[in-house]
PDB file of N, CA and C in Angstrom:
ATOM      1  N   MET A   1     -54.496  -2.284  87.312  1.00  0.00           N
ATOM      2  CA  MET A   1     -53.327  -2.784  86.619  1.00  0.00           C
ATOM      3  C   MET A   1     -52.332  -1.634  86.474  1.00  0.00           C
ATOM      4  N   ARG A   2     -51.123  -1.880  86.864  1.00  0.00           N
ATOM      5  CA  ARG A   2     -50.063  -0.881  86.727  1.00  0.00           C
ATOM      6  C   ARG A   2     -49.204  -1.217  85.529  1.00  0.00           C
ATOM      7  N   LYS A   3     -48.807  -0.198  84.792  1.00  0.00           N
ATOM      8  CA  LYS A   3     -47.984  -0.376  83.596  1.00  0.00           C
ATOM      9  C   LYS A   3     -46.839   0.626  83.636  1.00  0.00           C
ATOM     10  N   LYS A   4     -45.768   0.280  82.953  1.00  0.00           N
ATOM     11  CA  LYS A   4     -44.660   1.212  82.758  1.00  0.00           C
ATOM     12  C   LYS A   4     -44.557   1.498  81.265  1.00  0.00           C
ATOM     13  N   LEU A   5     -44.101   2.684  80.958  1.00  0.00           N
ATOM     14  CA  LEU A   5     -43.919   3.059  79.563  1.00  0.00           C
ATOM     15  C   LEU A   5     -42.712   2.336  78.985  1.00  0.00           C
ATOM     16  N   THR A   6     -42.781   2.082  77.686  1.00  0.00           N
ATOM     17  CA  THR A   6     -41.730   1.379  76.969  1.00  0.00           C
ATOM     18  C   THR A   6     -41.133   2.322  75.928  1.00  0.00           C
ATOM     19  N   ALA A   7     -39.803   2.318  75.798  1.00  0.00           N
ATOM     20  CA  ALA A   7     -39.147   3.155  74.793  1.00  0.00           C
ATOM     21  C   ALA A   7     -39.449   2.617  73.400  1.00  0.00           C
ATOM     22  N   ILE A   8     -39.896   3.511  72.521  1.00  0.00           N
ATOM     23  CA  ILE A   8     -40.146   3.194  71.115  1.00  0.00           C
ATOM     24  C   ILE A   8     -39.483   4.308  70.313  1.00  0.00           C
ATOM     25  N   GLY A   9     -38.263   4.045  69.851  1.00  0.00           N
ATOM     26  CA  GLY A   9     -37.496   5.106  69.186  1.00  0.00           C
ATOM     27  C   GLY A   9     -37.228   6.214  70.183  1.00  0.00           C
ATOM     28  N   ASN A  10     -37.542   7.459  69.794  1.00  0.00           N
ATOM     29  CA  ASN A  10     -37.370   8.614  70.693  1.00  0.00           C
ATOM     30  C   ASN A  10     -38.631   8.903  71.489  1.00  0.00           C
ATOM     31  N   SER A  11     -39.627   8.029  71.391  1.00  0.00           N
ATOM     32  CA  SER A  11     -40.904   8.222  72.078  1.00  0.00           C
ATOM     33  C   SER A  11     -41.098   7.157  73.147  1.00  0.00           C
ATOM     34  N   LEU A  12     -42.207   7.261  73.859  1.00  0.00           N
ATOM     35  CA  LEU A  12     -42.587   6.263  74.845  1.00  0.00           C
ATOM     36  C   LEU A  12     -43.957   5.719  74.469  1.00  0.00           C
ATOM     37  N   GLY A  13     -44.180   4.448  74.740  1.00  0.00           N
ATOM     38  CA  GLY A  13     -45.462   3.826  74.429  1.00  0.00           C
ATOM     39  C   GLY A  13     -45.876   2.898  75.549  1.00  0.00           C
ATOM     40  N   ILE A  14     -47.105   2.435  75.462  1.00  0.00           N
ATOM     41  CA  ILE A  14     -47.621   1.497  76.443  1.00  0.00           C
ATOM     42  C   ILE A  14     -48.181   0.293  75.698  1.00  0.00           C
ATOM     43  N   VAL A  15     -47.901  -0.890  76.211  1.00  0.00           N
ATOM     44  CA  VAL A  15     -48.390  -2.122  75.590  1.00  0.00           C
ATOM     45  C   VAL A  15     -49.726  -2.467  76.235  1.00  0.00           C
ATOM     46  N   ILE A  16     -50.727  -2.712  75.391  1.00  0.00           N
ATOM     47  CA  ILE A  16     -52.047  -3.117  75.878  1.00  0.00           C
ATOM     48  C   ILE A  16     -52.202  -4.594  75.560  1.00  0.00           C
ATOM     49  N   GLU A  17     -52.429  -5.397  76.585  1.00  0.00           N
ATOM     50  CA  GLU A  17     -52.498  -6.840  76.415  1.00  0.00           C
ATOM     51  C   GLU A  17     -53.719  -7.257  75.598  1.00  0.00           C
ATOM     52  N   LYS A  18     -53.584  -8.408  74.925  1.00  0.00           N
ATOM     53  CA  LYS A  18     -54.614  -8.923  74.040  1.00  0.00           C
ATOM     54  C   LYS A  18     -55.985  -9.064  74.701  1.00  0.00           C
ATOM     55  N   PRO A  19     -56.102  -9.588  75.933  1.00  0.00           N
ATOM     56  CA  PRO A  19     -57.440  -9.692  76.540  1.00  0.00           C
ATOM     57  C   PRO A  19     -58.163  -8.354  76.665  1.00  0.00           C
ATOM     58  N   ILE A  20     -57.414  -7.299  76.964  1.00  0.00           N
ATOM     59  CA  ILE A  20     -58.023  -5.977  77.068  1.00  0.00           C
ATOM     60  C   ILE A  20     -58.440  -5.480  75.691  1.00  0.00           C
ATOM     61  N   LEU A  21     -57.591  -5.688  74.686  1.00  0.00           N
ATOM     62  CA  LEU A  21     -57.937  -5.296  73.322  1.00  0.00           C
ATOM     63  C   LEU A  21     -59.196  -6.012  72.854  1.00  0.00           C
ATOM     64  N   GLU A  22     -59.290  -7.306  73.151  1.00  0.00           N
ATOM     65  CA  GLU A  22     -60.467  -8.084  72.757  1.00  0.00           C
ATOM     66  C   GLU A  22     -61.712  -7.601  73.497  1.00  0.00           C
ATOM     67  N   LEU A  23     -61.581  -7.329  74.782  1.00  0.00           N
ATOM     68  CA  LEU A  23     -62.700  -6.843  75.576  1.00  0.00           C
ATOM     69  C   LEU A  23     -63.256  -5.540  75.003  1.00  0.00           C
ATOM     70  N   LEU A  24     -62.372  -4.666  74.563  1.00  0.00           N
ATOM     71  CA  LEU A  24     -62.775  -3.361  74.034  1.00  0.00           C
ATOM     72  C   LEU A  24     -62.997  -3.368  72.527  1.00  0.00           C
ATOM     73  N   ASP A  25     -62.790  -4.534  71.897  1.00  0.00           N
ATOM     74  CA  ASP A  25     -62.935  -4.662  70.442  1.00  0.00           C
ATOM     75  C   ASP A  25     -62.058  -3.648  69.712  1.00  0.00           C
ATOM     76  N   ILE A  26     -60.776  -3.662  70.089  1.00  0.00           N
ATOM     77  CA  ILE A  26     -59.785  -2.760  69.495  1.00  0.00           C
ATOM     78  C   ILE A  26     -58.727  -3.616  68.809  1.00  0.00           C
ATOM     79  N   ASP A  27     -58.321  -3.206  67.614  1.00  0.00           N
ATOM     80  CA  ASP A  27     -57.199  -3.861  66.953  1.00  0.00           C
ATOM     81  C   ASP A  27     -56.234  -2.789  66.453  1.00  0.00           C
ATOM     82  N   ARG A  28     -55.214  -3.204  65.724  1.00  0.00           N
ATOM     83  CA  ARG A  28     -54.184  -2.245  65.297  1.00  0.00           C
ATOM     84  C   ARG A  28     -54.714  -1.189  64.346  1.00  0.00           C
ATOM     85  N   ASP A  29     -55.881  -1.418  63.733  1.00  0.00           N
ATOM     86  CA  ASP A  29     -56.448  -0.448  62.793  1.00  0.00           C
ATOM     87  C   ASP A  29     -57.460   0.496  63.444  1.00  0.00           C
ATOM     88  N   THR A  30     -57.786   0.276  64.716  1.00  0.00           N
ATOM     89  CA  THR A  30     -58.765   1.114  65.404  1.00  0.00           C
ATOM     90  C   THR A  30     -58.137   2.461  65.746  1.00  0.00           C
ATOM     91  N   GLU A  31     -58.798   3.532  65.313  1.00  0.00           N
ATOM     92  CA  GLU A  31     -58.327   4.865  65.682  1.00  0.00           C
ATOM     93  C   GLU A  31     -58.749   5.139  67.118  1.00  0.00           C
ATOM     94  N   LEU A  32     -57.881   5.799  67.864  1.00  0.00           N
ATOM     95  CA  LEU A  32     -58.160   6.135  69.259  1.00  0.00           C
ATOM     96  C   LEU A  32     -58.123   7.644  69.437  1.00  0.00           C
ATOM     97  N   ASP A  33     -59.097   8.169  70.165  1.00  0.00           N
ATOM     98  CA  ASP A  33     -59.108   9.572  70.530  1.00  0.00           C
ATOM     99  C   ASP A  33     -58.392   9.681  71.867  1.00  0.00           C
ATOM    100  N   MET A  34     -57.384  10.546  71.960  1.00  0.00           N
ATOM    101  CA  MET A  34     -56.596  10.675  73.182  1.00  0.00           C
ATOM    102  C   MET A  34     -56.898  12.026  73.817  1.00  0.00           C
ATOM    103  N   LYS A  35     -57.285  11.983  75.106  1.00  0.00           N
ATOM    104  CA  LYS A  35     -57.619  13.204  75.841  1.00  0.00           C
ATOM    105  C   LYS A  35     -56.882  13.191  77.176  1.00  0.00           C
ATOM    106  N   THR A  36     -56.732  14.360  77.755  1.00  0.00           N
ATOM    107  CA  THR A  36     -56.181  14.463  79.095  1.00  0.00           C
ATOM    108  C   THR A  36     -56.849  15.631  79.814  1.00  0.00           C
ATOM    109  N   ASP A  37     -56.960  15.506  81.131  1.00  0.00           N
ATOM    110  CA  ASP A  37     -57.463  16.613  81.944  1.00  0.00           C
ATOM    111  C   ASP A  37     -56.319  17.212  82.761  1.00  0.00           C
ATOM    112  N   GLY A  38     -55.104  16.820  82.431  1.00  0.00           N
ATOM    113  CA  GLY A  38     -53.935  17.292  83.168  1.00  0.00           C
ATOM    114  C   GLY A  38     -53.428  16.270  84.166  1.00  0.00           C
ATOM    115  N   ASP A  39     -54.299  15.367  84.610  1.00  0.00           N
ATOM    116  CA  ASP A  39     -53.922  14.316  85.548  1.00  0.00           C
ATOM    117  C   ASP A  39     -54.052  12.932  84.940  1.00  0.00           C
ATOM    118  N   LYS A  40     -55.034  12.758  84.053  1.00  0.00           N
ATOM    119  CA  LYS A  40     -55.332  11.443  83.493  1.00  0.00           C
ATOM    120  C   LYS A  40     -55.194  11.469  81.980  1.00  0.00           C
ATOM    121  N   LEU A  41     -54.815  10.328  81.451  1.00  0.00           N
ATOM    122  CA  LEU A  41     -54.783  10.123  80.007  1.00  0.00           C
ATOM    123  C   LEU A  41     -55.924   9.165  79.680  1.00  0.00           C
ATOM    124  N   VAL A  42     -56.794   9.555  78.767  1.00  0.00           N
ATOM    125  CA  VAL A  42     -57.952   8.739  78.415  1.00  0.00           C
ATOM    126  C   VAL A  42     -57.900   8.430  76.922  1.00  0.00           C
ATOM    127  N   LEU A  43     -57.948   7.136  76.592  1.00  0.00           N
ATOM    128  CA  LEU A  43     -57.991   6.700  75.196  1.00  0.00           C
ATOM    129  C   LEU A  43     -59.378   6.137  74.925  1.00  0.00           C
ATOM    130  N   VAL A  44     -60.018   6.637  73.875  1.00  0.00           N
ATOM    131  CA  VAL A  44     -61.369   6.192  73.523  1.00  0.00           C
ATOM    132  C   VAL A  44     -61.356   5.750  72.065  1.00  0.00           C
ATOM    133  N   PRO A  45     -61.780   4.500  71.795  1.00  0.00           N
ATOM    134  CA  PRO A  45     -61.827   4.049  70.415  1.00  0.00           C
ATOM    135  C   PRO A  45     -62.865   4.844  69.626  1.00  0.00           C
ATOM    136  N   ILE A  46     -62.507   5.204  68.404  1.00  0.00           N
ATOM    137  CA  ILE A  46     -63.437   5.911  67.526  1.00  0.00           C
ATOM    138  C   ILE A  46     -64.191   4.850  66.749  1.00  0.00           C
ATOM    139  N   ARG A  47     -65.495   4.803  66.957  1.00  0.00           N
ATOM    140  CA  ARG A  47     -66.344   3.783  66.349  1.00  0.00           C
ATOM    141  C   ARG A  47     -67.154   4.380  65.206  1.00  0.00           C
ATOM    142  N   LYS A  48     -67.619   3.483  64.331  1.00  0.00           N
ATOM    143  CA  LYS A  48     -68.581   3.913  63.325  1.00  0.00           C
ATOM    144  C   LYS A  48     -69.806   4.414  64.063  1.00  0.00           C
ATOM    145  N   GLY A  49     -70.561   5.254  63.399  1.00  0.00           N
ATOM    146  CA  GLY A  49     -71.787   5.742  63.998  1.00  0.00           C
ATOM    147  C   GLY A  49     -72.754   4.602  64.264  1.00  0.00           C
ATOM    148  N   LYS A  50     -73.616   4.796  65.250  1.00  0.00           N
ATOM    149  CA  LYS A  50     -74.564   3.760  65.639  1.00  0.00           C
ATOM    150  C   LYS A  50     -75.449   3.360  64.462  1.00  0.00           C
ATOM    151  N   ARG A  51     -75.855   4.320  63.666  1.00  0.00           N
ATOM    152  CA  ARG A  51     -76.728   4.037  62.528  1.00  0.00           C
ATOM    153  C   ARG A  51     -76.061   3.067  61.558  1.00  0.00           C
ATOM    154  N   GLU A  52     -74.791   3.265  61.251  1.00  0.00           N
ATOM    155  CA  GLU A  52     -74.076   2.378  60.326  1.00  0.00           C
ATOM    156  C   GLU A  52     -73.951   0.973  60.903  1.00  0.00           C
ATOM    157  N   ARG A  53     -73.701   0.863  62.211  1.00  0.00           N
ATOM    158  CA  ARG A  53     -73.588  -0.456  62.843  1.00  0.00           C
ATOM    159  C   ARG A  53     -74.916  -1.197  62.817  1.00  0.00           C
ATOM    160  N   VAL A  54     -76.015  -0.467  63.065  1.00  0.00           N
ATOM    161  CA  VAL A  54     -77.338  -1.090  63.037  1.00  0.00           C
ATOM    162  C   VAL A  54     -77.673  -1.550  61.626  1.00  0.00           C
ATOM    163  N   LYS A  55     -77.384  -0.713  60.621  1.00  0.00           N
ATOM    164  CA  LYS A  55     -77.637  -1.097  59.225  1.00  0.00           C
ATOM    165  C   LYS A  55     -76.856  -2.345  58.846  1.00  0.00           C
ATOM    166  N   ALA A  56     -75.595  -2.391  59.240  1.00  0.00           N
ATOM    167  CA  ALA A  56     -74.755  -3.550  58.910  1.00  0.00           C
ATOM    168  C   ALA A  56     -75.284  -4.816  59.593  1.00  0.00           C
ATOM    169  N   ALA A  57     -75.693  -4.708  60.852  1.00  0.00           N
ATOM    170  CA  ALA A  57     -76.232  -5.865  61.568  1.00  0.00           C
ATOM    171  C   ALA A  57     -77.536  -6.332  60.939  1.00  0.00           C
ATOM    172  N   LEU A  58     -78.384  -5.398  60.548  1.00  0.00           N
ATOM    173  CA  LEU A  58     -79.649  -5.737  59.902  1.00  0.00           C
ATOM    174  C   LEU A  58     -79.408  -6.431  58.563  1.00  0.00           C
ATOM    175  N   ALA A  59     -78.460  -5.918  57.783  1.00  0.00           N
ATOM    176  CA  ALA A  59     -78.142  -6.546  56.499  1.00  0.00           C
ATOM    177  C   ALA A  59     -77.635  -7.973  56.694  1.00  0.00           C
ATOM    178  N   ARG A  60     -76.797  -8.191  57.712  1.00  0.00           N
ATOM    179  CA  ARG A  60     -76.307  -9.547  57.985  1.00  0.00           C
ATOM    180  C   ARG A  60     -77.448 -10.473  58.378  1.00  0.00           C
ATOM    181  N   ALA A  61     -78.346  -9.983  59.220  1.00  0.00           N
ATOM    182  CA  ALA A  61     -79.484 -10.802  59.658  1.00  0.00           C
ATOM    183  C   ALA A  61     -80.409 -11.127  58.491  1.00  0.00           C
ATOM    184  N   MET A  62     -80.659 -10.147  57.637  1.00  0.00           N
ATOM    185  CA  MET A  62     -81.541 -10.374  56.498  1.00  0.00           C
ATOM    186  C   MET A  62     -80.929 -11.373  55.525  1.00  0.00           C
ATOM    187  N   THR A  63     -79.647 -11.301  55.322  1.00  0.00           N
ATOM    188  CA  THR A  63     -78.969 -12.243  54.434  1.00  0.00           C
ATOM    189  C   THR A  63     -79.006 -13.649  55.020  1.00  0.00           C
ATOM    190  N   ALA A  64     -78.734 -13.748  56.302  1.00  0.00           N
ATOM    191  CA  ALA A  64     -78.675 -15.062  56.949  1.00  0.00           C
ATOM    192  C   ALA A  64     -80.050 -15.715  57.052  1.00  0.00           C
ATOM    193  N   HIS A  65     -81.120 -14.917  57.138  1.00  0.00           N
ATOM    194  CA  HIS A  65     -82.459 -15.470  57.379  1.00  0.00           C
ATOM    195  C   HIS A  65     -83.446 -15.098  56.274  1.00  0.00           C
ATOM    196  N   ASP A  66     -82.937 -14.888  55.084  1.00  0.00           N
ATOM    197  CA  ASP A  66     -83.760 -14.440  53.958  1.00  0.00           C
ATOM    198  C   ASP A  66     -84.980 -15.344  53.738  1.00  0.00           C
ATOM    199  N   GLU A  67     -84.752 -16.618  53.657  1.00  0.00           N
ATOM    200  CA  GLU A  67     -85.851 -17.558  53.369  1.00  0.00           C
ATOM    201  C   GLU A  67     -86.923 -17.516  54.456  1.00  0.00           C
ATOM    202  N   SER A  68     -86.526 -17.538  55.707  1.00  0.00           N
ATOM    203  CA  SER A  68     -87.495 -17.499  56.804  1.00  0.00           C
ATOM    204  C   SER A  68     -88.270 -16.192  56.808  1.00  0.00           C
ATOM    205  N   LEU A  69     -87.601 -15.092  56.553  1.00  0.00           N
ATOM    206  CA  LEU A  69     -88.275 -13.778  56.544  1.00  0.00           C
ATOM    207  C   LEU A  69     -89.300 -13.711  55.403  1.00  0.00           C
ATOM    208  N   ARG A  70     -88.957 -14.294  54.263  1.00  0.00           N
ATOM    209  CA  ARG A  70     -89.905 -14.285  53.128  1.00  0.00           C
ATOM    210  C   ARG A  70     -91.135 -15.120  53.452  1.00  0.00           C
ATOM    211  N   LYS A  71     -90.942 -16.263  54.132  1.00  0.00           N
ATOM    212  CA  LYS A  71     -92.083 -17.101  54.529  1.00  0.00           C
ATOM    213  C   LYS A  71     -92.975 -16.358  55.534  1.00  0.00           C
ATOM    214  N   LEU A  72     -92.362 -15.661  56.468  1.00  0.00           N
ATOM    215  CA  LEU A  72     -93.135 -14.916  57.455  1.00  0.00           C
ATOM    216  C   LEU A  72     -93.927 -13.774  56.822  1.00  0.00           C
ATOM    217  N   ALA A  73     -93.383 -13.204  55.759  1.00  0.00           N
ATOM    218  CA  ALA A  73     -94.040 -12.077  55.101  1.00  0.00           C
ATOM    219  C   ALA A  73     -95.312 -12.491  54.360  1.00  0.00           C
ATOM    220  N   LYS A  74     -95.469 -13.782  54.063  1.00  0.00           N
ATOM    221  CA  LYS A  74     -96.637 -14.252  53.306  1.00  0.00           C
ATOM    222  C   LYS A  74     -97.863 -14.282  54.143  1.00  0.00           C
TER     223      LYS A  74
END
């Protein structure tokens, strides 16, 4: 996909289409790490640590299946 930069005030920006944002799970509040090797510009979303994501997923699963988990524990 080829893109052109867009003027934003005295700066330039690039518009990222919604399907790409959804694919990468990025929204307007996602912080991005920007790097370059002199030839390429690389944007990487800064994510919560893996441990925090696993804890959050486990808490959601335990809440959603509390009754079944208690029956299995007996």
